[in-house]
Protein backbone atom coordinates (compact mmCIF):
# COMPACT_ATOMS: atom_id res chain seq x y z
CA MET A 1 -9.43 -44.01 14.94
CA LYS A 2 -10.26 -41.03 17.18
CA LYS A 3 -6.55 -40.22 17.58
CA VAL A 4 -6.05 -40.17 13.81
CA PHE A 5 -9.11 -37.96 13.33
CA LYS A 6 -7.92 -35.53 16.04
CA ARG A 7 -4.44 -35.42 14.54
CA VAL A 8 -5.81 -34.70 11.06
CA LEU A 9 -8.10 -32.03 12.52
CA LYS A 10 -5.19 -30.37 14.36
CA ILE A 11 -2.98 -30.41 11.27
CA THR A 12 -5.79 -28.97 9.16
CA PHE A 13 -6.49 -26.24 11.70
CA LEU A 14 -2.80 -25.31 11.98
CA SER A 15 -2.44 -25.23 8.19
CA ILE A 16 -5.42 -22.92 7.80
CA LEU A 17 -4.22 -20.68 10.63
CA THR A 18 -0.72 -20.50 9.13
CA GLY A 19 -2.18 -19.57 5.73
CA ILE A 20 -4.36 -16.82 7.21
CA LEU A 21 -1.48 -15.38 9.23
CA THR A 22 0.81 -15.46 6.18
CA ILE A 23 -1.73 -13.56 4.07
CA ALA A 24 -2.27 -11.04 6.89
CA ALA A 25 1.50 -10.50 7.18
CA ILE A 26 1.77 -9.96 3.40
CA ILE A 27 -1.12 -7.47 3.41
CA LEU A 28 0.20 -5.51 6.41
CA PHE A 29 3.93 -5.63 5.62
CA PRO A 30 4.40 -5.91 1.83
CA GLN A 31 7.77 -4.13 1.58
CA LYS A 32 9.80 -7.31 0.95
CA LEU A 33 7.76 -8.05 -2.19
CA PHE A 34 9.18 -5.05 -4.07
CA ALA A 35 12.54 -4.87 -5.82
CA LYS A 36 13.15 -1.11 -5.83
CA LYS A 37 13.35 1.17 -2.81
CA PHE A 38 14.45 4.73 -2.18
CA SER A 39 14.11 7.14 0.72
CA TYR A 40 13.28 10.82 0.56
CA LYS A 41 12.70 12.95 3.66
CA ARG A 42 10.06 11.09 5.70
CA PHE A 43 9.09 8.76 2.86
CA THR A 44 10.37 5.39 1.72
CA VAL A 45 9.03 4.47 -1.71
CA TYR A 46 8.78 0.81 -2.76
CA SER A 47 8.12 -0.31 -6.33
CA ASN A 48 8.99 -3.00 -8.83
CA ALA A 49 9.84 -0.41 -11.48
CA ASN A 50 12.11 2.61 -11.41
CA VAL A 51 10.29 5.70 -10.18
CA ASP A 52 10.86 9.13 -11.73
CA ASP A 53 12.58 11.72 -9.56
CA GLU A 54 9.53 13.94 -10.10
CA ILE A 55 7.80 11.94 -7.37
CA LYS A 56 9.89 13.92 -4.87
CA MET A 57 7.97 17.09 -5.80
CA VAL A 58 4.69 15.17 -5.46
CA LEU A 59 5.72 13.96 -2.00
CA ASP A 60 6.68 17.52 -1.00
CA ASN A 61 3.26 18.76 -2.14
CA ALA A 62 1.49 16.00 -0.21
CA LEU A 63 3.49 16.89 2.90
CA ILE A 64 2.50 20.56 2.55
CA LEU A 65 -1.17 19.54 2.35
CA VAL A 66 -0.90 17.36 5.47
CA GLN A 67 0.92 20.04 7.46
CA ARG A 68 -2.33 22.03 7.49
CA SER A 69 -4.04 19.28 9.48
CA GLU A 70 -4.27 19.27 13.26
CA LEU A 71 -3.26 15.58 13.09
CA TYR A 72 0.12 16.42 11.57
CA ASP A 73 3.08 14.76 13.28
CA PRO A 74 6.52 15.98 12.09
CA ASP A 75 8.23 12.75 13.23
CA TYR A 76 5.92 10.27 11.47
CA LYS A 77 7.49 8.25 8.65
CA TYR A 78 5.55 6.79 5.72
CA ASN A 79 6.07 3.87 3.35
CA ILE A 80 4.69 4.56 -0.12
CA ILE A 81 4.08 1.31 -1.97
CA LEU A 82 3.44 1.56 -5.71
CA CYS A 83 1.86 -1.76 -6.60
CA ASP A 84 0.08 -1.30 -9.94
CA HIS A 85 0.32 -4.58 -11.92
CA SER A 86 2.12 -6.42 -9.12
CA PHE A 87 1.66 -9.74 -7.37
CA TYR A 88 0.80 -7.85 -4.18
CA ASN A 89 -2.02 -5.99 -5.94
CA LYS A 90 -3.57 -9.30 -7.00
CA ILE A 91 -3.47 -10.64 -3.43
CA ASP A 92 -4.84 -7.38 -2.06
CA ASP A 93 -7.70 -7.38 -4.58
CA LYS A 94 -8.64 -10.95 -3.64
CA VAL A 95 -8.54 -10.32 0.11
CA LEU A 96 -9.80 -6.73 0.44
CA GLY A 97 -11.67 -6.29 -2.83
CA ILE A 98 -11.27 -4.26 -5.99
CA GLY A 99 -12.28 -0.64 -6.15
CA ARG A 100 -9.82 1.45 -4.20
CA THR A 101 -7.33 3.84 -5.72
CA ALA A 102 -5.22 3.76 -2.59
CA ARG A 103 -5.31 2.43 0.95
CA ALA A 104 -3.51 3.16 4.20
CA THR A 105 -2.57 0.58 6.83
CA LEU A 106 -0.21 1.27 9.71
CA LYS A 107 2.56 3.40 8.14
CA ASN A 108 1.98 2.03 4.64
CA ILE A 109 0.31 3.97 1.86
CA ILE A 110 -0.62 1.53 -0.88
CA ILE A 111 -1.12 3.13 -4.32
CA LYS A 112 -2.97 0.53 -6.38
CA VAL A 113 -3.27 2.35 -9.69
CA ARG A 114 -1.07 3.64 -12.49
CA ILE A 115 0.59 6.96 -11.70
CA ASP A 116 2.37 9.72 -13.60
CA PRO A 117 4.58 11.66 -11.15
CA LYS A 118 5.69 14.11 -13.87
CA LYS A 119 2.11 15.37 -14.23
CA ASP A 120 1.11 14.67 -10.58
CA LEU A 121 -1.61 12.27 -11.71
CA ALA A 122 -3.10 8.99 -10.55
CA PHE A 123 -5.37 7.10 -12.93
CA PRO A 124 -8.11 5.23 -11.07
CA THR A 125 -10.02 3.29 -13.70
CA PHE A 126 -12.16 0.98 -11.61
CA HIS A 127 -15.48 2.61 -12.52
CA LYS A 128 -14.62 5.09 -15.27
CA ALA A 129 -11.53 6.66 -16.77
CA CYS A 130 -10.52 9.69 -14.74
CA GLU A 131 -7.52 11.52 -13.37
CA LYS A 132 -6.77 12.57 -9.79
CA SER A 133 -3.95 14.55 -8.25
CA LEU A 134 -1.38 12.07 -6.96
CA ALA A 135 -0.29 14.51 -4.22
CA GLU A 136 -3.90 14.76 -2.98
CA VAL A 137 -4.31 10.98 -3.01
CA ILE A 138 -1.10 10.54 -0.99
CA ALA A 139 -2.04 13.35 1.43
CA HIS A 140 -5.48 11.79 1.95
CA GLU A 141 -3.92 8.43 2.80
CA MET A 142 -1.30 10.10 5.02
CA ILE A 143 -4.14 11.49 7.13
CA HIS A 144 -5.55 7.96 7.45
CA CYS A 145 -2.16 6.80 8.72
CA LEU A 146 -2.12 9.56 11.32
């Protein structure tokens, strides 16, 4: 009876540990969850939808803002992950909570809200409807990465 109990306990523990590690891997390395990908300068953008070419100007503006910082590293590469209305966003909200417009982990910049690259806008609507500069949001998160 003790052997059966120990075996069940070990299997349960390993199952829970595997689940936690899987969720951590998804949160830290979400790139494989997105269908679309393109590279531009030091950025790789991941999304499930096509992204307008105007995002290149937004990325250039964000890079100009970050170049003013003493933390700036010209060799650092960033992954921009646009995850509004995605499966990843739902997992991220459950694990890390709702309320952020964007988040930075490792080399990943996670943009969790709807964006309009043509107008350089991000639309965080967690507390009230408002507009923010998408380039400033990306630059802010780039500094967190550095």
